[in-house]
């Protein structure tokens, strides 16, 4: 016996969402529970321990403000914000920065303004809008988005700050927010972020998947590094070497034409202290034994899906001669491979180098607002100078994927020893993830 299926009645029209109740807070620990509800715990770039570390680092001239929106279901939105002083040409072309630098010799403070930012003062390379259940139909509508941005611009006015910036929006989120942003915020290009894909071990891993041209370059660069006595270690923190790590980071800042944030030495201690096993340092040394010198450092954080080299430091006296920059990234990719990751998030800037590694780019955007009409007019007029588009170089680095050989026993060797300095330490507050196996040293790469 068969039955005729009954037609499914249409869903009732979504009722208008109720207005959110808004509150501002000055400390992240005041909003720990709303933060976890809105951002979750799986993405390390958005997790509470990382941003607690940023706050506790007491970055110079950075003042935090946290916006929380609640409804009958509890926390619906968390938007971390901060105020600080910045150069308007931070992401402008190099020639624009040089021109402004000459003007500042006569007029100190030229094009340096106080800025109110929705996002984080560190390079998350993504937005920090904690919009809970954004994908649920009817949960977020035009009215709620508009109310959120009303709260942000009102707070900036209260602080007597004219310029407001929403950081690092991907295209899909821009499309969702555009109706609420139009007329008040100008959508401009930010620097794209980049990812290096890693082939499965069954397909030869990273080195086995790149074309012979780039594989030969990789081997040559590693050989040059070995000739200069470069060795690499993974360590859980930089305690005892924080001054050297910070010195190397400062060298990178001095040689960069795009500088948005300025970190301090305490930041490099706070991150592993708060994240525990989700953070580590890749440290590069020249020489052996007691006479070795730290010449490269990389603060690395990771979750269950991605590894993020967050901040680099290099000895620029050695960088060019030893291919230090490339060798650092090769060591990071090797560590990502050991942990079984399919991608490495290597962030913004240095696009020629990252294209040589086979990185693909994801465009990011900024939303910019000025409280005064003349400021909005100036932003539109100078848009191409202050926020230039970035052309990402294209390189055919990878071969076509090989079929997986199921019977093959994969083995990935590495030259990077893991220093187990956590064996006798208590886990850090809020830490997570898996720590490297204690006392393991991997085989020398041939």
Protein backbone atom coordinates (compact mmCIF):
# COMPACT_ATOMS: atom_id res chain seq x y z
CA UNK A 1 0.00 0.00 0.00
CA UNK A 2 1.36 3.36 -0.99
CA UNK A 3 0.49 6.71 0.44
CA UNK A 4 0.51 10.00 -1.32
CA UNK A 5 3.03 12.34 0.35
CA UNK A 6 1.37 15.36 1.85
CA UNK A 7 2.69 18.75 0.73
CA UNK A 8 5.00 20.38 3.22
CA UNK A 9 3.40 23.58 4.53
CA UNK A 10 5.50 26.69 3.88
CA UNK A 11 7.47 28.10 6.78
CA UNK A 12 5.90 31.13 8.40
CA UNK A 13 7.58 34.42 7.51
CA UNK A 14 10.47 35.25 9.80
CA UNK A 15 9.46 37.69 12.47
CA UNK A 16 11.56 40.83 12.82
CA UNK A 17 14.44 40.29 15.19
CA UNK A 18 14.20 42.06 18.48
CA UNK A 19 16.72 44.82 19.23
CA UNK A 20 19.86 43.80 21.08
CA UNK A 21 20.89 45.22 24.42
CA UNK A 22 24.40 46.70 24.20
CA UNK A 23 27.16 47.14 26.77
CA UNK A 24 30.81 48.25 26.65
CA UNK A 25 33.59 46.67 28.71
CA UNK A 26 37.26 47.49 29.23
CA UNK A 27 38.69 44.09 30.19
CA UNK A 28 38.42 40.84 28.27
CA UNK A 29 37.98 38.76 31.43
CA UNK A 30 34.72 40.61 32.08
CA UNK A 31 33.27 39.05 28.93
CA UNK A 32 34.89 35.60 28.96
CA UNK A 33 31.59 33.71 28.72
CA UNK A 34 30.08 35.87 25.91
CA UNK A 35 33.41 35.64 24.03
CA UNK A 36 33.38 31.84 24.14
CA UNK A 37 29.74 31.73 23.01
CA UNK A 38 30.28 34.07 20.05
CA UNK A 39 33.77 33.10 18.89
CA UNK A 40 33.91 29.48 20.02
CA UNK A 41 37.11 27.72 21.00
CA UNK A 42 38.24 25.97 17.82
CA UNK A 43 39.89 28.86 15.92
CA UNK A 44 43.11 29.86 17.65
CA UNK A 45 43.17 33.27 15.94
CA UNK A 46 39.87 34.16 17.60
CA UNK A 47 40.22 32.28 20.89
CA UNK A 48 40.03 33.95 24.29
CA UNK A 49 43.56 32.99 25.52
CA UNK A 50 45.28 34.63 22.53
CA UNK A 51 43.45 37.92 22.94
CA UNK A 52 43.90 37.81 26.70
CA UNK A 53 47.63 37.59 25.95
CA UNK A 54 47.38 40.65 23.69
CA UNK A 55 45.60 42.65 26.39
CA UNK A 56 48.04 41.62 29.11
CA UNK A 57 50.99 42.65 26.94
CA UNK A 58 50.04 46.32 27.52
CA UNK A 59 50.92 47.46 24.02
CA UNK A 60 51.95 51.10 23.84
CA UNK A 61 49.08 53.59 23.36
CA UNK A 62 46.55 50.78 22.74
CA UNK A 63 43.30 51.07 24.76
CA UNK A 64 40.80 48.22 24.50
CA UNK A 65 37.01 48.47 24.38
CA UNK A 66 34.77 45.40 24.06
CA UNK A 67 31.21 45.64 22.75
CA UNK A 68 28.70 42.94 23.73
CA UNK A 69 25.19 42.61 22.31
CA UNK A 70 22.65 40.34 24.04
CA UNK A 71 19.11 39.15 23.38
CA UNK A 72 16.70 36.71 25.03
CA UNK A 73 19.04 33.83 24.11
CA UNK A 74 22.08 35.43 25.74
CA UNK A 75 25.19 36.84 24.07
CA UNK A 76 24.58 37.40 20.36
CA UNK A 77 27.59 39.50 19.44
CA UNK A 78 31.07 40.40 20.69
CA UNK A 79 33.07 43.05 18.85
CA UNK A 80 36.54 43.71 20.31
CA UNK A 81 37.75 47.23 19.53
CA UNK A 82 40.77 49.34 20.36
CA UNK A 83 41.91 52.93 20.05
CA UNK A 84 45.44 53.98 19.18
CA UNK A 85 47.50 56.41 17.12
CA UNK A 86 48.52 55.36 13.64
CA UNK A 87 49.98 56.72 10.43
CA UNK A 88 47.36 57.10 7.71
CA UNK A 89 49.88 55.82 5.17
CA UNK A 90 50.59 52.53 6.97
CA UNK A 91 49.44 50.45 4.00
CA UNK A 92 50.08 53.04 1.27
CA UNK A 93 52.59 52.58 -1.54
CA UNK A 94 56.29 52.95 -0.68
CA UNK A 95 56.65 56.22 -2.62
CA UNK A 96 53.70 57.75 -0.74
CA UNK A 97 55.30 56.77 2.57
CA UNK A 98 58.63 58.32 1.53
CA UNK A 99 56.88 61.54 0.50
CA UNK A 100 55.02 61.75 3.81
CA UNK A 101 58.27 60.99 5.66
CA UNK A 102 59.90 64.03 4.08
CA UNK A 103 56.93 66.22 5.03
CA UNK A 104 57.12 64.98 8.63
CA UNK A 105 60.65 66.34 8.95
CA UNK A 106 59.08 69.81 8.80
CA UNK A 107 55.63 68.95 10.21
CA UNK A 108 55.90 66.19 12.86
CA UNK A 109 52.70 64.21 13.19
CA UNK A 110 51.59 64.86 9.60
CA UNK A 111 48.89 62.30 8.64
CA UNK A 112 49.13 60.62 12.05
CA UNK A 113 45.71 60.29 13.64
CA UNK A 114 43.87 58.54 16.45
CA UNK A 115 41.97 55.57 15.10
CA UNK A 116 39.11 53.48 16.50
CA UNK A 117 39.37 49.93 15.17
CA UNK A 118 36.99 46.98 15.23
CA UNK A 119 39.39 44.07 15.37
CA UNK A 120 42.65 43.14 17.05
CA UNK A 121 45.92 45.09 17.18
CA UNK A 122 47.75 41.93 16.06
CA UNK A 123 47.80 40.42 12.57
CA UNK A 124 44.84 38.05 12.71
CA UNK A 125 44.38 38.43 8.92
CA UNK A 126 40.64 38.05 9.41
CA UNK A 127 37.70 39.81 10.98
CA UNK A 128 36.95 39.90 14.70
CA UNK A 129 33.18 40.31 14.49
CA UNK A 130 31.80 37.63 16.78
CA UNK A 131 28.33 37.37 15.24
CA UNK A 132 26.77 34.31 16.85
CA UNK A 133 24.70 32.07 14.56
CA UNK A 134 25.27 34.37 11.58
CA UNK A 135 24.25 31.56 9.23
CA UNK A 136 20.86 30.98 10.95
CA UNK A 137 18.03 32.56 8.89
CA UNK A 138 16.42 35.49 10.67
CA UNK A 139 19.02 35.65 13.43
CA UNK A 140 20.79 38.65 11.90
CA UNK A 141 19.02 41.22 9.77
CA UNK A 142 19.69 44.72 8.49
CA UNK A 143 18.43 46.29 11.72
CA UNK A 144 20.85 44.39 13.93
CA UNK A 145 23.83 45.10 11.70
CA UNK A 146 22.92 48.79 11.59
CA UNK A 147 22.57 48.90 15.38
CA UNK A 148 26.02 47.29 15.75
CA UNK A 149 27.70 49.90 13.58
CA UNK A 150 25.72 52.68 15.32
CA UNK A 151 27.23 51.53 18.61
CA UNK A 152 30.76 51.52 17.13
CA UNK A 153 30.55 55.00 15.60
CA UNK A 154 28.89 56.41 18.76
CA UNK A 155 31.75 55.04 20.90
CA UNK A 156 34.28 56.67 18.58
CA UNK A 157 32.48 60.02 18.94
CA UNK A 158 32.47 59.61 22.72
CA UNK A 159 36.26 59.12 22.59
CA UNK A 160 36.56 62.12 20.23
CA UNK A 161 37.98 59.96 17.47
CA UNK A 162 36.92 60.81 13.94
CA UNK A 163 38.24 57.82 11.98
CA UNK A 164 36.78 54.31 12.39
CA UNK A 165 38.12 51.14 10.79
CA UNK A 166 36.71 47.60 10.60
CA UNK A 167 39.58 45.22 9.91
CA UNK A 168 40.10 42.39 7.48
CA UNK A 169 36.72 41.36 6.03
CA UNK A 170 36.50 38.55 3.49
CA UNK A 171 34.32 39.01 0.42
CA UNK A 172 31.42 36.86 1.66
CA UNK A 173 31.12 38.90 4.86
CA UNK A 174 31.41 42.18 2.94
CA UNK A 175 28.48 41.08 0.77
CA UNK A 176 26.44 40.28 3.89
CA UNK A 177 27.23 43.56 5.66
CA UNK A 178 27.17 45.89 2.64
CA UNK A 179 23.52 47.07 2.99
CA UNK A 180 24.23 48.20 6.57
CA UNK A 181 27.61 49.73 5.70
CA UNK A 182 26.63 51.66 2.58
CA UNK A 183 26.38 55.39 3.00
CA UNK A 184 28.52 55.46 6.15
CA UNK A 185 31.51 53.19 5.54
CA UNK A 186 33.77 53.06 2.52
CA UNK A 187 34.87 49.53 1.52
CA UNK A 188 38.54 49.56 0.48
CA UNK A 189 41.20 46.98 -0.33
CA UNK A 190 43.34 45.59 2.46
CA UNK A 191 46.42 43.42 2.00
CA UNK A 192 45.45 39.88 0.93
CA UNK A 193 46.35 36.97 3.18
CA UNK A 194 48.05 33.80 1.94
CA UNK A 195 47.98 30.04 2.45
CA UNK A 196 50.44 27.34 1.41
CA UNK A 197 48.74 24.01 0.57
CA UNK A 198 50.51 20.82 1.64
CA UNK A 199 49.90 17.61 -0.30
CA UNK A 200 49.14 14.46 1.71
CA UNK A 201 52.12 12.36 2.73
CA UNK A 202 50.85 9.60 0.41
CA UNK A 203 51.44 12.05 -2.48
CA UNK A 204 54.94 12.96 -1.37
CA UNK A 205 54.13 15.89 0.89
CA UNK A 206 55.11 19.45 0.05
CA UNK A 207 58.52 18.75 -1.48
CA UNK A 208 57.21 15.88 -3.55
CA UNK A 209 54.34 17.93 -4.97
CA UNK A 210 56.26 20.96 -6.27
CA UNK A 211 57.71 21.18 -9.76
CA UNK A 212 61.35 20.23 -10.30
CA UNK A 213 62.31 23.89 -10.86
CA UNK A 214 61.12 24.87 -7.37
CA UNK A 215 62.34 21.62 -5.80
CA UNK A 216 65.84 22.38 -7.06
CA UNK A 217 65.59 25.91 -5.64
CA UNK A 218 64.47 24.46 -2.30
CA UNK A 219 67.43 22.05 -2.15
CA UNK A 220 69.87 24.78 -3.15
CA UNK A 221 68.56 27.18 -0.50
CA UNK A 222 68.71 24.50 2.18
CA UNK A 223 72.28 23.70 1.14
CA UNK A 224 73.22 27.39 1.40
CA UNK A 225 71.69 27.50 4.86
CA UNK A 226 73.62 24.40 5.90
CA UNK A 227 76.87 25.95 4.61
CA UNK A 228 76.22 28.92 6.91
CA UNK A 229 75.66 26.58 9.85
CA UNK A 230 71.89 27.12 10.20
CA UNK A 231 70.10 24.76 12.60
CA UNK A 232 66.47 24.81 13.75
CA UNK A 233 64.63 23.99 16.95
CA UNK A 234 61.01 23.95 18.07
CA UNK A 235 60.68 25.31 21.60
CA UNK A 236 57.50 25.90 23.62
CA UNK A 237 58.51 29.44 24.64
CA UNK A 238 61.33 31.93 24.35
CA UNK A 239 61.84 32.54 28.07
CA UNK A 240 65.48 33.53 28.61
CA UNK A 241 65.80 34.56 24.96
CA UNK A 242 62.93 37.07 24.79
CA UNK A 243 65.29 40.04 24.37
CA UNK A 244 66.97 38.42 21.36
CA UNK A 245 63.62 37.39 19.85
CA UNK A 246 62.35 40.95 20.22
CA UNK A 247 65.55 42.36 18.72
CA UNK A 248 65.10 40.19 15.62
CA UNK A 249 61.43 41.21 15.36
CA UNK A 250 62.47 44.88 15.50
CA UNK A 251 64.83 44.32 12.56
CA UNK A 252 61.87 43.09 10.50
CA UNK A 253 59.83 46.16 11.50
CA UNK A 254 62.70 48.48 10.53
CA UNK A 255 62.89 46.91 7.06
CA UNK A 256 59.12 46.78 6.42
CA UNK A 257 57.29 49.51 4.55
CA UNK A 258 53.90 48.21 5.82
CA UNK A 259 53.69 48.53 9.60
CA UNK A 260 50.34 48.66 11.37
CA UNK A 261 51.00 47.31 14.85
CA UNK A 262 53.99 47.75 17.18
CA UNK A 263 54.48 44.89 19.63
CA UNK A 264 56.57 44.84 22.79
CA UNK A 265 58.84 42.26 24.36
CA UNK A 266 56.20 41.09 26.85
CA UNK A 267 53.90 40.03 24.01
CA UNK A 268 56.33 37.27 23.00
CA UNK A 269 56.16 35.84 26.54
CA UNK A 270 52.42 36.26 27.05
CA UNK A 271 51.27 34.33 23.98
CA UNK A 272 52.81 30.94 24.88
CA UNK A 273 51.96 31.52 28.55
CA UNK A 274 48.26 31.90 27.70
CA UNK A 275 47.98 29.44 24.80
CA UNK A 276 50.05 26.63 26.25
CA UNK A 277 50.66 23.82 23.74
CA UNK A 278 48.88 25.76 20.98
CA UNK A 279 51.90 28.07 20.73
CA UNK A 280 55.58 27.42 20.11
CA UNK A 281 58.69 29.07 18.69
CA UNK A 282 60.69 28.04 15.69
CA UNK A 283 64.21 29.26 16.46
CA UNK A 284 67.07 29.35 13.96
CA UNK A 285 70.68 29.35 15.11
CA UNK A 286 74.03 29.89 13.41
CA UNK A 287 76.83 27.77 14.74
CA UNK A 288 76.95 24.95 17.26
CA UNK A 289 77.20 24.49 21.01
CA UNK A 290 77.69 27.39 23.41
CA UNK A 291 78.91 29.66 20.63
CA UNK A 292 75.75 29.50 18.54
CA UNK A 293 73.79 32.69 17.83
CA UNK A 294 70.05 33.16 17.42
CA UNK A 295 69.49 34.53 13.89
CA UNK A 296 65.80 33.77 13.19
CA UNK A 297 62.62 33.36 15.19
CA UNK A 298 59.01 32.64 14.38
CA UNK A 299 56.13 32.75 16.83
CA UNK A 300 53.81 29.95 15.70
CA UNK A 301 50.27 29.23 16.88
CA UNK A 302 48.06 26.34 15.81
CA UNK A 303 44.61 24.83 16.20
CA UNK A 304 43.16 21.58 14.84
CA UNK A 305 43.06 22.71 11.21
CA UNK A 306 45.72 25.37 10.61
CA UNK A 307 49.19 26.44 11.66
CA UNK A 308 49.86 30.19 11.74
CA UNK A 309 53.38 31.66 11.72
CA UNK A 310 52.39 34.87 13.46
CA UNK A 311 55.51 37.08 13.77
CA UNK A 312 58.98 36.71 12.30
CA UNK A 313 62.38 37.94 13.36
CA UNK A 314 65.56 37.87 11.27
CA UNK A 315 69.17 38.88 11.53
CA UNK A 316 69.41 41.01 8.40
CA UNK A 317 73.21 40.74 8.32
CA UNK A 318 72.76 37.04 7.57
CA UNK A 319 69.35 36.99 5.88
CA UNK A 320 70.37 37.41 2.23
CA UNK A 321 73.58 35.40 2.20
CA UNK A 322 72.03 32.34 3.87
CA UNK A 323 68.55 32.40 2.25
CA UNK A 324 67.34 32.76 5.82
CA UNK A 325 63.84 33.90 4.88
CA UNK A 326 63.12 30.93 2.62
CA UNK A 327 64.76 28.47 5.00
CA UNK A 328 62.55 29.69 7.82
CA UNK A 329 59.42 29.05 5.77
CA UNK A 330 60.69 25.65 4.68
CA UNK A 331 61.16 24.75 8.35
CA UNK A 332 57.62 25.95 9.15
CA UNK A 333 56.16 23.89 6.30
CA UNK A 334 58.13 20.89 7.51
CA UNK A 335 56.70 21.28 11.02
CA UNK A 336 53.17 21.67 9.61
CA UNK A 337 53.71 18.48 7.61
CA UNK A 338 54.88 16.62 10.71
CA UNK A 339 51.69 17.64 12.51
CA UNK A 340 49.52 16.54 9.59
CA UNK A 341 48.18 19.94 8.49
CA UNK A 342 46.92 20.45 4.95
CA UNK A 343 47.64 24.20 4.87
CA UNK A 344 49.87 26.83 6.44
CA UNK A 345 48.47 30.33 6.92
CA UNK A 346 51.43 32.62 6.18
CA UNK A 347 49.64 35.95 6.28
CA UNK A 348 50.23 39.27 4.54
CA UNK A 349 53.17 41.08 2.82
CA UNK A 350 56.33 39.62 1.16
CA UNK A 351 54.19 38.30 -1.69
CA UNK A 352 57.05 37.51 -4.08
CA UNK A 353 58.57 35.11 -1.56
CA UNK A 354 55.21 33.56 -0.70
CA UNK A 355 54.33 33.07 -4.38
CA UNK A 356 57.64 31.17 -4.77
CA UNK A 357 56.43 28.85 -2.01
CA UNK A 358 53.21 28.16 -3.92
CA UNK A 359 50.96 30.23 -1.65
CA UNK A 360 47.50 31.22 -2.83
CA UNK A 361 45.93 34.50 -1.73
CA UNK A 362 42.55 35.43 -0.26
CA UNK A 363 41.48 39.07 -0.77
CA UNK A 364 40.63 41.06 2.36
CA UNK A 365 38.85 44.39 2.75
CA UNK A 366 38.57 47.24 5.24
CA UNK A 367 35.50 49.29 6.08
CA UNK A 368 36.45 52.94 6.79
CA UNK A 369 34.27 55.67 8.26
CA UNK A 370 34.87 59.31 9.21
CA UNK A 371 32.46 61.25 11.39
CA UNK A 372 32.86 64.46 9.36
CA UNK A 373 31.66 64.87 5.78
CA UNK A 374 34.96 66.49 4.76
CA UNK A 375 36.82 63.45 6.11
CA UNK A 376 34.59 61.07 4.15
CA UNK A 377 35.18 63.14 1.01
CA UNK A 378 38.97 63.03 1.56
CA UNK A 379 38.89 59.24 2.02
CA UNK A 380 37.07 58.80 -1.28
CA UNK A 381 39.39 61.24 -3.04
CA UNK A 382 42.61 59.63 -1.72
CA UNK A 383 41.35 56.06 -1.71
CA UNK A 384 43.78 54.73 -4.33
CA UNK A 385 46.77 56.35 -2.58
CA UNK A 386 45.94 55.38 1.01
CA UNK A 387 44.56 51.92 0.23
CA UNK A 388 46.18 50.70 -3.01
CA UNK A 389 45.18 47.39 -4.56
CA UNK A 390 47.76 44.61 -4.37
CA UNK A 391 48.56 42.48 -7.41
CA UNK A 392 49.50 39.01 -6.24
CA UNK A 393 52.20 37.32 -8.39
CA UNK A 394 51.23 34.03 -10.03
CA UNK A 395 53.63 31.06 -9.95
CA UNK A 396 52.97 27.54 -11.20
CA UNK A 397 54.72 25.87 -8.27
CA UNK A 398 52.85 22.59 -7.93
CA UNK A 399 52.62 19.55 -10.19
CA UNK A 400 49.30 17.98 -10.99
CA UNK A 401 48.26 15.84 -7.98
CA UNK A 402 49.47 12.27 -8.16
CA UNK A 403 47.10 9.37 -7.41
CA UNK A 404 47.36 8.19 -3.82
CA UNK A 405 49.26 4.92 -3.41
CA UNK A 406 47.40 3.25 -0.58
CA UNK A 407 50.04 0.63 0.10
CA UNK A 408 52.86 3.08 0.42
CA UNK A 409 54.19 3.66 3.92
CA UNK A 410 54.75 7.43 4.17
CA UNK A 411 57.69 8.78 6.06
CA UNK A 412 58.50 12.45 6.47
CA UNK A 413 61.92 13.23 7.87
CA UNK A 414 62.90 16.49 9.50
CA UNK A 415 66.02 18.17 10.77
CA UNK A 416 64.25 20.14 13.48
CA UNK A 417 64.67 18.82 17.03
CA UNK A 418 61.86 19.45 19.47
CA UNK A 419 63.07 20.86 22.78
CA UNK A 420 60.76 19.70 25.56
CA UNK A 421 60.93 22.57 28.06
CA UNK A 422 57.42 21.88 29.35
CA UNK A 423 58.13 18.53 30.95
CA UNK A 424 58.10 19.98 34.46
CA UNK A 425 55.81 22.96 33.82
CA UNK A 426 52.15 23.19 34.70
CA UNK A 427 49.80 23.75 31.73
CA UNK A 428 49.15 27.45 31.02
CA UNK A 429 45.70 28.90 31.66
CA UNK A 430 43.45 28.44 28.65
CA UNK A 431 45.96 26.29 26.74
CA UNK A 432 44.90 23.54 24.38
CA UNK A 433 46.01 21.38 21.54
CA UNK A 434 48.68 18.70 21.49
CA UNK A 435 52.26 19.29 22.53
CA UNK A 436 55.11 17.70 20.55
CA UNK A 437 56.30 14.34 21.82
CA UNK A 438 58.79 14.79 24.63
CA UNK A 439 62.44 14.47 23.81
CA UNK A 440 61.97 13.55 20.18
CA UNK A 441 64.50 14.44 17.55
CA UNK A 442 63.75 13.79 13.90
CA UNK A 443 66.19 12.44 11.33
CA UNK A 444 68.54 14.67 9.37
CA UNK A 445 67.26 15.61 5.93
CA UNK A 446 69.54 14.14 3.28
